[in-house]
Amino acid sequence: MLQNQMQALRTLMMQCMADWYLRGGDPNDQTRLSRILDVAQDLKALSTLLNASQFTFVVDLACLASRREYLKLDKWLSDKIREHRVSPLLSFFQITGYFQARKMCWS
């Protein structure tokens, strides 16, 4: 029972982190995402966060984790495509479009 409660609390914390990031006002301000990644690393919870349901949060977090060399982005993307059984071509266009939009924001 205690283990179920701990898992539920962990899931809630991860959801709150994603929501906190997504509610940040300025898309160019990556301080929230950076802080979330630091906490995730401290808690050994990066893989849990990378399985969240908020696509924009997960992709942004994966990119930052990759830049800090915590994650191999190409392998992670391949695994996600395989896991969700999505056409690689469709995934490529969806992800490329998203990255282009974010790149304009981060520039």
N, C-alpha and C. Protein backbone atom coordinates (compact mmCIF):
# COMPACT_ATOMS: atom_id res chain seq x y z
N MET A 1 0.82 -1.20 0.00
CA MET A 1 0.00 0.00 0.00
C MET A 1 0.86 1.26 0.00
N LEU A 2 1.86 1.28 0.86
CA LEU A 2 2.75 2.44 0.91
C LEU A 2 3.48 2.62 -0.42
N GLN A 3 3.86 1.52 -1.04
CA GLN A 3 4.54 1.61 -2.33
C GLN A 3 3.62 2.20 -3.40
N ASN A 4 2.35 1.83 -3.39
CA ASN A 4 1.38 2.40 -4.34
C ASN A 4 1.23 3.90 -4.12
N GLN A 5 1.22 4.32 -2.87
CA GLN A 5 1.09 5.74 -2.57
C GLN A 5 2.33 6.51 -3.02
N MET A 6 3.50 5.90 -2.83
CA MET A 6 4.74 6.55 -3.25
C MET A 6 4.77 6.69 -4.78
N GLN A 7 4.33 5.66 -5.48
CA GLN A 7 4.30 5.73 -6.94
C GLN A 7 3.31 6.79 -7.41
N ALA A 8 2.16 6.87 -6.76
CA ALA A 8 1.17 7.89 -7.11
C ALA A 8 1.72 9.29 -6.85
N LEU A 9 2.43 9.46 -5.75
CA LEU A 9 3.03 10.76 -5.43
C LEU A 9 4.11 11.12 -6.45
N ARG A 10 4.91 10.15 -6.83
CA ARG A 10 5.96 10.40 -7.83
C ARG A 10 5.33 10.81 -9.17
N THR A 11 4.28 10.11 -9.57
CA THR A 11 3.59 10.44 -10.82
C THR A 11 3.01 11.85 -10.75
N LEU A 12 2.41 12.19 -9.63
CA LEU A 12 1.84 13.53 -9.45
C LEU A 12 2.93 14.60 -9.53
N MET A 13 4.06 14.35 -8.89
CA MET A 13 5.17 15.31 -8.94
C MET A 13 5.65 15.53 -10.37
N MET A 14 5.77 14.45 -11.12
CA MET A 14 6.23 14.56 -12.50
C MET A 14 5.22 15.35 -13.34
N GLN A 15 3.95 15.09 -13.12
CA GLN A 15 2.90 15.83 -13.84
C GLN A 15 2.95 17.32 -13.49
N CYS A 16 3.16 17.61 -12.24
CA CYS A 16 3.24 19.02 -11.80
C CYS A 16 4.44 19.72 -12.41
N MET A 17 5.56 19.02 -12.53
CA MET A 17 6.75 19.62 -13.14
C MET A 17 6.47 19.96 -14.61
N ALA A 18 5.85 19.05 -15.31
CA ALA A 18 5.53 19.29 -16.72
C ALA A 18 4.55 20.46 -16.84
N ASP A 19 3.54 20.50 -16.00
CA ASP A 19 2.57 21.59 -16.04
C ASP A 19 3.23 22.93 -15.72
N TRP A 20 4.11 22.95 -14.74
CA TRP A 20 4.82 24.17 -14.35
C TRP A 20 5.64 24.70 -15.52
N TYR A 21 6.30 23.80 -16.22
CA TYR A 21 7.09 24.21 -17.38
C TYR A 21 6.19 24.77 -18.48
N LEU A 22 5.11 24.06 -18.78
CA LEU A 22 4.24 24.46 -19.87
C LEU A 22 3.51 25.78 -19.59
N ARG A 23 3.36 26.13 -18.34
CA ARG A 23 2.69 27.39 -17.97
C ARG A 23 3.64 28.57 -17.91
N GLY A 24 4.92 28.31 -18.12
CA GLY A 24 5.90 29.39 -18.13
C GLY A 24 5.57 30.36 -19.25
N GLY A 25 5.68 31.62 -18.99
CA GLY A 25 5.25 32.61 -19.95
C GLY A 25 6.10 32.71 -21.21
N ASP A 26 7.37 32.89 -21.07
CA ASP A 26 8.27 33.17 -22.20
C ASP A 26 8.86 31.88 -22.75
N PRO A 27 8.56 31.51 -24.00
CA PRO A 27 9.12 30.27 -24.57
C PRO A 27 10.64 30.32 -24.74
N ASN A 28 11.22 31.51 -24.71
CA ASN A 28 12.67 31.64 -24.81
C ASN A 28 13.37 31.41 -23.48
N ASP A 29 12.64 31.49 -22.38
CA ASP A 29 13.21 31.32 -21.05
C ASP A 29 13.23 29.84 -20.70
N GLN A 30 14.40 29.27 -20.71
CA GLN A 30 14.54 27.83 -20.44
C GLN A 30 14.98 27.55 -19.00
N THR A 31 14.88 28.55 -18.10
CA THR A 31 15.32 28.32 -16.73
C THR A 31 14.46 27.28 -16.02
N ARG A 32 13.16 27.27 -16.29
CA ARG A 32 12.29 26.27 -15.67
C ARG A 32 12.67 24.87 -16.12
N LEU A 33 12.87 24.72 -17.42
CA LEU A 33 13.23 23.41 -17.95
C LEU A 33 14.57 22.95 -17.39
N SER A 34 15.50 23.87 -17.28
CA SER A 34 16.81 23.54 -16.74
C SER A 34 16.70 23.08 -15.28
N ARG A 35 15.88 23.77 -14.52
CA ARG A 35 15.68 23.39 -13.11
C ARG A 35 15.00 22.02 -13.02
N ILE A 36 14.02 21.78 -13.87
CA ILE A 36 13.33 20.49 -13.87
C ILE A 36 14.32 19.37 -14.20
N LEU A 37 15.18 19.61 -15.17
CA LEU A 37 16.17 18.58 -15.52
C LEU A 37 17.13 18.33 -14.36
N ASP A 38 17.54 19.38 -13.67
CA ASP A 38 18.41 19.21 -12.50
C ASP A 38 17.73 18.35 -11.43
N VAL A 39 16.48 18.65 -11.14
CA VAL A 39 15.73 17.88 -10.14
C VAL A 39 15.55 16.44 -10.61
N ALA A 40 15.21 16.26 -11.87
CA ALA A 40 15.02 14.91 -12.41
C ALA A 40 16.31 14.10 -12.28
N GLN A 41 17.43 14.72 -12.55
CA GLN A 41 18.71 14.02 -12.41
C GLN A 41 18.97 13.66 -10.95
N ASP A 42 18.70 14.59 -10.04
CA ASP A 42 18.89 14.32 -8.61
C ASP A 42 18.01 13.17 -8.13
N LEU A 43 16.78 13.11 -8.65
CA LEU A 43 15.83 12.07 -8.23
C LEU A 43 15.93 10.80 -9.07
N LYS A 44 16.84 10.80 -10.04
CA LYS A 44 16.96 9.66 -10.97
C LYS A 44 15.62 9.39 -11.64
N ALA A 45 14.98 10.46 -12.09
CA ALA A 45 13.63 10.37 -12.65
C ALA A 45 13.52 10.87 -14.08
N LEU A 46 14.64 11.02 -14.75
CA LEU A 46 14.59 11.54 -16.12
C LEU A 46 13.77 10.63 -17.03
N SER A 47 13.98 9.32 -16.92
CA SER A 47 13.23 8.41 -17.80
C SER A 47 11.73 8.49 -17.54
N THR A 48 11.35 8.72 -16.29
CA THR A 48 9.93 8.87 -15.96
C THR A 48 9.37 10.13 -16.61
N LEU A 49 10.10 11.23 -16.53
CA LEU A 49 9.63 12.48 -17.13
C LEU A 49 9.57 12.37 -18.65
N LEU A 50 10.48 11.62 -19.23
CA LEU A 50 10.49 11.49 -20.68
C LEU A 50 9.37 10.59 -21.18
N ASN A 51 8.60 10.03 -20.27
CA ASN A 51 7.43 9.24 -20.64
C ASN A 51 6.14 10.00 -20.35
N ALA A 52 6.25 11.28 -20.04
CA ALA A 52 5.06 12.09 -19.77
C ALA A 52 4.24 12.22 -21.05
N SER A 53 3.02 12.64 -20.88
CA SER A 53 2.11 12.72 -22.04
C SER A 53 2.17 14.06 -22.78
N GLN A 54 2.78 15.07 -22.21
CA GLN A 54 2.85 16.39 -22.86
C GLN A 54 4.00 16.41 -23.87
N PHE A 55 3.64 16.32 -25.14
CA PHE A 55 4.63 16.20 -26.21
C PHE A 55 5.65 17.33 -26.18
N THR A 56 5.22 18.56 -26.10
CA THR A 56 6.16 19.69 -26.15
C THR A 56 7.13 19.65 -24.99
N PHE A 57 6.64 19.34 -23.81
CA PHE A 57 7.50 19.24 -22.63
C PHE A 57 8.53 18.14 -22.81
N VAL A 58 8.08 16.97 -23.24
CA VAL A 58 8.97 15.82 -23.38
C VAL A 58 10.05 16.09 -24.41
N VAL A 59 9.70 16.65 -25.54
CA VAL A 59 10.69 16.92 -26.59
C VAL A 59 11.68 17.98 -26.13
N ASP A 60 11.20 19.04 -25.50
CA ASP A 60 12.10 20.08 -25.00
C ASP A 60 13.06 19.50 -23.94
N LEU A 61 12.52 18.69 -23.04
CA LEU A 61 13.35 18.08 -22.00
C LEU A 61 14.38 17.13 -22.62
N ALA A 62 13.97 16.35 -23.59
CA ALA A 62 14.90 15.43 -24.25
C ALA A 62 16.02 16.21 -24.95
N CYS A 63 15.68 17.32 -25.58
CA CYS A 63 16.71 18.14 -26.26
C CYS A 63 17.71 18.70 -25.26
N LEU A 64 17.21 19.21 -24.15
CA LEU A 64 18.11 19.75 -23.14
C LEU A 64 18.96 18.64 -22.52
N ALA A 65 18.36 17.51 -22.24
CA ALA A 65 19.11 16.38 -21.68
C ALA A 65 20.19 15.93 -22.66
N SER A 66 19.88 15.97 -23.94
CA SER A 66 20.86 15.59 -24.95
C SER A 66 22.01 16.60 -24.99
N ARG A 67 21.68 17.88 -24.94
CA ARG A 67 22.73 18.91 -24.94
C ARG A 67 23.66 18.77 -23.73
N ARG A 68 23.11 18.30 -22.61
CA ARG A 68 23.93 18.09 -21.42
C ARG A 68 24.56 16.69 -21.38
N GLU A 69 24.35 15.95 -22.44
CA GLU A 69 24.88 14.60 -22.59
C GLU A 69 24.35 13.61 -21.55
N TYR A 70 23.09 13.80 -21.14
CA TYR A 70 22.40 12.85 -20.27
C TYR A 70 21.60 11.84 -21.09
N LEU A 71 21.44 12.11 -22.39
CA LEU A 71 20.56 11.33 -23.24
C LEU A 71 21.10 11.32 -24.66
N LYS A 72 21.02 10.16 -25.30
CA LYS A 72 21.35 10.07 -26.73
C LYS A 72 20.06 10.28 -27.49
N LEU A 73 19.90 11.48 -28.03
CA LEU A 73 18.64 11.89 -28.63
C LEU A 73 18.22 11.00 -29.80
N ASP A 74 19.15 10.64 -30.66
CA ASP A 74 18.78 9.82 -31.82
C ASP A 74 18.26 8.45 -31.39
N LYS A 75 18.86 7.84 -30.39
CA LYS A 75 18.39 6.55 -29.89
C LYS A 75 17.03 6.71 -29.21
N TRP A 76 16.88 7.76 -28.44
CA TRP A 76 15.61 8.00 -27.73
C TRP A 76 14.47 8.18 -28.74
N LEU A 77 14.72 8.97 -29.79
CA LEU A 77 13.70 9.17 -30.82
C LEU A 77 13.35 7.86 -31.53
N SER A 78 14.36 7.09 -31.86
CA SER A 78 14.11 5.79 -32.50
C SER A 78 13.27 4.89 -31.61
N ASP A 79 13.61 4.86 -30.33
CA ASP A 79 12.86 4.03 -29.37
C ASP A 79 11.41 4.49 -29.27
N LYS A 80 11.20 5.81 -29.25
CA LYS A 80 9.83 6.34 -29.15
C LYS A 80 9.01 6.02 -30.39
N ILE A 81 9.62 6.12 -31.54
CA ILE A 81 8.92 5.79 -32.78
C ILE A 81 8.53 4.32 -32.77
N ARG A 82 9.45 3.47 -32.36
CA ARG A 82 9.18 2.03 -32.29
C ARG A 82 8.12 1.73 -31.23
N GLU A 83 8.25 2.35 -30.09
CA GLU A 83 7.32 2.12 -28.96
C GLU A 83 5.89 2.50 -29.32
N HIS A 84 5.72 3.59 -30.01
CA HIS A 84 4.37 4.06 -30.35
C HIS A 84 3.88 3.57 -31.70
N ARG A 85 4.73 2.78 -32.36
CA ARG A 85 4.37 2.19 -33.65
C ARG A 85 3.86 3.23 -34.64
N VAL A 86 4.59 4.30 -34.70
CA VAL A 86 4.25 5.39 -35.61
C VAL A 86 5.13 5.27 -36.84
N SER A 87 4.57 5.59 -37.96
CA SER A 87 5.35 5.59 -39.20
C SER A 87 6.55 6.52 -39.03
N PRO A 88 7.76 6.03 -39.30
CA PRO A 88 8.93 6.90 -39.17
C PRO A 88 8.83 8.17 -40.00
N LEU A 89 8.23 8.08 -41.19
CA LEU A 89 8.09 9.27 -42.03
C LEU A 89 7.16 10.29 -41.40
N LEU A 90 6.02 9.83 -40.87
CA LEU A 90 5.08 10.73 -40.20
C LEU A 90 5.75 11.35 -38.97
N SER A 91 6.43 10.53 -38.19
CA SER A 91 7.11 11.03 -37.00
C SER A 91 8.15 12.07 -37.38
N PHE A 92 8.89 11.80 -38.45
CA PHE A 92 9.91 12.73 -38.89
C PHE A 92 9.31 14.10 -39.19
N PHE A 93 8.21 14.12 -39.93
CA PHE A 93 7.59 15.39 -40.27
C PHE A 93 7.00 16.10 -39.05
N GLN A 94 6.38 15.36 -38.15
CA GLN A 94 5.82 15.96 -36.94
C GLN A 94 6.93 16.55 -36.08
N ILE A 95 7.96 15.76 -35.85
CA ILE A 95 9.05 16.20 -34.98
C ILE A 95 9.85 17.32 -35.63
N THR A 96 10.11 17.20 -36.94
CA THR A 96 10.85 18.25 -37.64
C THR A 96 10.09 19.58 -37.57
N GLY A 97 8.79 19.53 -37.79
CA GLY A 97 7.98 20.75 -37.70
C GLY A 97 8.03 21.35 -36.32
N TYR A 98 7.94 20.51 -35.32
CA TYR A 98 8.00 21.00 -33.94
C TYR A 98 9.37 21.61 -33.65
N PHE A 99 10.45 20.91 -34.04
CA PHE A 99 11.79 21.42 -33.79
C PHE A 99 12.02 22.75 -34.49
N GLN A 100 11.52 22.90 -35.70
CA GLN A 100 11.68 24.15 -36.43
C GLN A 100 10.97 25.30 -35.70
N ALA A 101 9.78 25.02 -35.20
CA ALA A 101 9.04 26.04 -34.45
C ALA A 101 9.79 26.41 -33.18
N ARG A 102 10.31 25.41 -32.47
CA ARG A 102 11.03 25.68 -31.22
C ARG A 102 12.34 26.38 -31.51
N LYS A 103 13.00 26.00 -32.59
CA LYS A 103 14.27 26.62 -32.94
C LYS A 103 14.08 28.12 -33.14
N MET A 104 12.99 28.50 -33.77
CA MET A 104 12.72 29.92 -33.98
C MET A 104 12.51 30.60 -32.63
N CYS A 105 11.91 29.91 -31.68
CA CYS A 105 11.68 30.49 -30.35
C CYS A 105 12.97 30.59 -29.56
N TRP A 106 13.83 29.59 -29.67
CA TRP A 106 15.05 29.55 -28.88
C TRP A 106 16.15 30.41 -29.45
N SER A 107 16.01 30.83 -30.70
CA SER A 107 17.08 31.62 -31.35
C SER A 107 17.10 33.04 -30.80
